[in-house]
């Protein structure tokens, strides 16, 4: 199989949880989806990707992502369509919010350490948790493996189910998106088009998943 010089990387965020509704930092807490409330968004995501073939599937090992992936693949399994076995990977987890996990902005807004983290746009290390650079270190290690496999095995399209903070960091590094502009909603994500040239991989374009209505009208 010829080496891939172009790779579509579709990275989507998990569906709605109770902590999303309460605006609590989830981080590495293993919070499940809020069902059936999460289902309409999950259905839209599943429909958007129903006919898209993937050469590899990756997923955060946390329950909310595994449930999201299962919902996305449900119809494929029912219809007997082949899909690569998902690879669970802790490197795709959300930013570790450490001492802030389980708390809301209203509860933290007067905390000097929290204010300093917000003002740093994630660059500071959260007490007991990670910094944006820590998050990128594990995401970039995962991404390098995905790209190497694409070159070796000819993969053209890869799916990953992850978290809002992880997708924001990917957008910041691959799209040069502003820290505050990189957020995507529940059961939404981005399709990154990565191209391989002599000096390595680069992101040539990025688009919303599901596609925005204005982009298809």
Protein backbone atom coordinates (compact mmCIF):
# COMPACT_ATOMS: atom_id res chain seq x y z
CA UNK A 1 0.00 0.00 0.00
CA UNK A 2 1.34 3.41 -0.98
CA UNK A 3 2.37 5.81 1.77
CA UNK A 4 -0.17 8.51 2.52
CA UNK A 5 0.80 12.10 1.80
CA UNK A 6 -2.61 13.45 2.86
CA UNK A 7 -4.55 12.50 5.97
CA UNK A 8 -7.98 13.58 7.17
CA UNK A 9 -8.02 13.50 10.98
CA UNK A 10 -11.55 13.79 12.37
CA UNK A 11 -11.49 14.57 16.11
CA UNK A 12 -14.83 14.86 17.90
CA UNK A 13 -15.84 15.75 21.43
CA UNK A 14 -17.92 13.46 23.61
CA UNK A 15 -21.63 14.10 24.16
CA UNK A 16 -23.37 15.97 26.96
CA UNK A 17 -22.81 15.04 30.62
CA UNK A 18 -24.45 16.30 33.81
CA UNK A 19 -21.24 18.15 34.66
CA UNK A 20 -21.37 19.92 31.30
CA UNK A 21 -24.82 21.21 32.22
CA UNK A 22 -23.56 22.32 35.63
CA UNK A 23 -20.44 23.84 34.00
CA UNK A 24 -18.13 21.82 36.22
CA UNK A 25 -14.55 21.04 35.25
CA UNK A 26 -14.47 17.31 34.48
CA UNK A 27 -10.86 16.70 33.56
CA UNK A 28 -9.92 13.09 34.25
CA UNK A 29 -13.06 12.36 36.29
CA UNK A 30 -14.87 9.44 34.69
CA UNK A 31 -18.27 11.09 34.21
CA UNK A 32 -20.79 9.24 31.97
CA UNK A 33 -23.03 10.79 29.35
CA UNK A 34 -26.31 12.35 30.43
CA UNK A 35 -28.86 10.13 28.72
CA UNK A 36 -31.27 10.57 27.05
CA UNK A 37 -30.46 14.32 26.99
CA UNK A 38 -27.23 13.72 25.05
CA UNK A 39 -28.89 11.71 22.29
CA UNK A 40 -30.05 14.49 19.88
CA UNK A 41 -26.52 15.86 19.48
CA UNK A 42 -25.10 12.36 19.23
CA UNK A 43 -27.64 11.49 16.53
CA UNK A 44 -26.60 14.53 14.48
CA UNK A 45 -22.95 13.56 14.76
CA UNK A 46 -23.69 9.95 13.80
CA UNK A 47 -25.70 11.07 10.78
CA UNK A 48 -22.94 13.45 9.64
CA UNK A 49 -20.36 10.65 9.65
CA UNK A 50 -22.63 7.73 8.72
CA UNK A 51 -21.12 7.20 5.26
CA UNK A 52 -17.55 8.18 6.08
CA UNK A 53 -15.05 5.31 6.02
CA UNK A 54 -12.17 5.35 8.52
CA UNK A 55 -8.89 3.48 8.34
CA UNK A 56 -8.32 3.70 12.10
CA UNK A 57 -10.36 4.68 15.16
CA UNK A 58 -8.94 6.09 18.41
CA UNK A 59 -10.80 6.99 21.60
CA UNK A 60 -10.10 8.42 25.03
CA UNK A 61 -10.42 5.68 27.63
CA UNK A 62 -12.92 7.68 29.72
CA UNK A 63 -16.53 6.46 29.78
CA UNK A 64 -18.13 9.52 28.16
CA UNK A 65 -15.96 9.11 25.07
CA UNK A 66 -16.45 5.36 24.85
CA UNK A 67 -20.22 5.86 25.07
CA UNK A 68 -20.07 8.53 22.36
CA UNK A 69 -18.13 6.24 20.04
CA UNK A 70 -20.51 3.34 20.68
CA UNK A 71 -23.46 5.56 19.72
CA UNK A 72 -21.69 6.71 16.57
CA UNK A 73 -20.94 3.14 15.48
CA UNK A 74 -24.27 1.60 16.49
CA UNK A 75 -25.86 1.79 13.05
CA UNK A 76 -22.70 0.52 11.35
CA UNK A 77 -22.64 -2.52 13.59
CA UNK A 78 -26.34 -3.14 12.99
CA UNK A 79 -25.91 -2.87 9.22
CA UNK A 80 -22.85 -5.10 9.20
CA UNK A 81 -20.48 -2.37 8.01
CA UNK A 82 -16.87 -3.00 8.90
CA UNK A 83 -15.13 -0.49 11.17
CA UNK A 84 -11.60 -0.79 12.60
CA UNK A 85 -11.48 -1.80 16.24
CA UNK A 86 -11.20 1.26 18.47
CA UNK A 87 -7.91 1.85 20.25
CA UNK A 88 -8.44 3.28 23.74
CA UNK A 89 -5.73 5.80 24.60
CA UNK A 90 -5.35 7.80 27.81
CA UNK A 91 -3.31 10.38 25.89
CA UNK A 92 -6.60 11.58 24.37
CA UNK A 93 -8.01 12.48 27.79
CA UNK A 94 -9.11 15.96 28.77
CA UNK A 95 -6.69 18.35 30.44
CA UNK A 96 -6.10 17.23 34.03
CA UNK A 97 -7.79 19.99 36.05
CA UNK A 98 -6.31 18.72 39.31
CA UNK A 99 -7.63 20.66 42.30
CA UNK A 100 -10.26 22.36 40.12
CA UNK A 101 -12.05 19.19 39.03
CA UNK A 102 -15.67 19.09 40.15
CA UNK A 103 -15.79 22.86 40.66
CA UNK A 104 -17.45 25.60 38.62
CA UNK A 105 -16.25 29.02 37.47
CA UNK A 106 -18.52 30.64 40.08
CA UNK A 107 -16.84 28.63 42.82
CA UNK A 108 -13.33 29.40 41.55
CA UNK A 109 -13.55 32.96 40.22
CA UNK A 110 -12.08 34.57 43.35
CA UNK A 111 -9.24 32.07 43.71
CA UNK A 112 -5.94 33.86 42.81
CA UNK A 113 -4.39 30.68 41.43
CA UNK A 114 -7.36 30.03 39.21
CA UNK A 115 -7.38 33.62 37.96
CA UNK A 116 -3.67 33.32 37.15
CA UNK A 117 -4.31 30.12 35.17
CA UNK A 118 -7.13 31.77 33.18
CA UNK A 119 -5.03 34.87 32.49
CA UNK A 120 -2.17 32.65 31.26
CA UNK A 121 -4.51 31.06 28.69
CA UNK A 122 -3.75 27.67 30.13
CA UNK A 123 0.04 28.02 30.11
CA UNK A 124 0.33 27.85 33.90
CA UNK A 125 0.19 24.45 35.55
CA UNK A 126 -3.06 23.81 37.43
CA UNK A 127 -2.44 22.84 41.08
CA UNK A 128 -2.38 19.06 41.11
CA UNK A 129 -3.00 18.98 37.35
CA UNK A 130 -1.51 19.89 33.99
CA UNK A 131 -0.58 22.88 31.87
CA UNK A 132 -1.44 23.32 28.18
CA UNK A 133 2.12 22.28 27.36
CA UNK A 134 1.67 19.07 29.37
CA UNK A 135 -1.51 18.34 27.44
CA UNK A 136 0.21 19.01 24.13
CA UNK A 137 3.12 16.73 25.05
CA UNK A 138 0.84 13.70 25.23
CA UNK A 139 -1.37 14.76 22.33
CA UNK A 140 1.61 15.38 20.06
CA UNK A 141 3.10 11.98 20.95
CA UNK A 142 -0.21 10.38 19.95
CA UNK A 143 -0.43 12.46 16.78
CA UNK A 144 3.07 11.50 15.71
CA UNK A 145 2.12 7.83 15.96
CA UNK A 146 -1.05 8.40 13.93
CA UNK A 147 0.95 10.18 11.23
CA UNK A 148 3.66 7.52 11.18
CA UNK A 149 1.04 4.80 10.79
CA UNK A 150 -0.61 6.75 7.98
CA UNK A 151 2.67 6.85 6.11
CA UNK A 152 3.43 3.18 6.76
CA UNK A 153 -0.04 1.76 6.12
CA UNK A 154 -1.53 4.24 3.67
CA UNK A 155 -4.23 5.49 6.02
CA UNK A 156 -6.28 8.29 4.50
CA UNK A 157 -8.85 9.05 7.20
CA UNK A 158 -8.70 8.56 10.98
CA UNK A 159 -11.35 9.13 13.65
CA UNK A 160 -10.63 10.11 17.25
CA UNK A 161 -13.13 10.71 20.08
CA UNK A 162 -11.71 13.04 22.70
CA UNK A 163 -12.54 16.08 24.86
CA UNK A 164 -13.11 19.81 24.51
CA UNK A 165 -9.79 20.89 25.98
CA UNK A 166 -7.85 18.40 23.88
CA UNK A 167 -9.53 19.61 20.67
CA UNK A 168 -8.91 23.21 21.65
CA UNK A 169 -5.22 22.45 22.08
CA UNK A 170 -5.08 20.67 18.72
CA UNK A 171 -6.70 23.70 17.11
CA UNK A 172 -4.26 26.05 18.80
CA UNK A 173 -1.25 24.06 17.59
CA UNK A 174 -2.50 23.01 14.14
CA UNK A 175 -4.67 26.00 13.16
CA UNK A 176 -3.03 28.74 15.23
CA UNK A 177 -6.48 29.32 16.72
CA UNK A 178 -6.77 31.60 19.73
CA UNK A 179 -7.12 29.79 23.07
CA UNK A 180 -10.66 31.12 23.55
CA UNK A 181 -11.72 30.51 19.94
CA UNK A 182 -10.82 26.82 19.83
CA UNK A 183 -13.76 25.51 21.86
CA UNK A 184 -16.22 23.11 20.19
CA UNK A 185 -19.59 21.99 21.55
CA UNK A 186 -20.57 18.57 22.80
CA UNK A 187 -20.70 15.93 20.01
CA UNK A 188 -18.92 18.34 17.67
CA UNK A 189 -15.36 18.51 16.41
CA UNK A 190 -12.98 19.31 13.59
CA UNK A 191 -11.69 17.64 10.47
CA UNK A 192 -8.00 18.48 10.09
CA UNK A 193 -6.46 17.95 6.67
CA UNK A 194 -2.80 17.07 7.20
CA UNK A 195 -0.34 16.99 4.32
CA UNK A 196 3.11 15.41 4.22
CA UNK A 197 5.99 17.18 2.53
CA UNK A 198 9.77 16.99 2.74
CA UNK A 199 9.91 18.83 6.06
CA UNK A 200 7.12 16.71 7.63
CA UNK A 201 3.41 17.04 8.32
CA UNK A 202 1.45 20.28 8.39
CA UNK A 203 -2.23 21.22 8.66
CA UNK A 204 -3.45 22.61 5.34
CA UNK A 205 -7.10 23.11 6.32
CA UNK A 206 -9.66 22.53 9.06
CA UNK A 207 -13.45 22.39 9.03
CA UNK A 208 -16.31 21.90 11.47
CA UNK A 209 -17.84 18.48 12.20
CA UNK A 210 -20.80 18.27 11.68
CA UNK A 211 -20.47 20.80 8.88
CA UNK A 212 -22.00 24.19 9.65
CA UNK A 213 -25.31 24.83 7.92
CA UNK A 214 -23.92 27.99 6.29
CA UNK A 215 -21.09 25.96 4.79
CA UNK A 216 -23.46 23.67 2.91
CA UNK A 217 -26.16 26.14 1.85
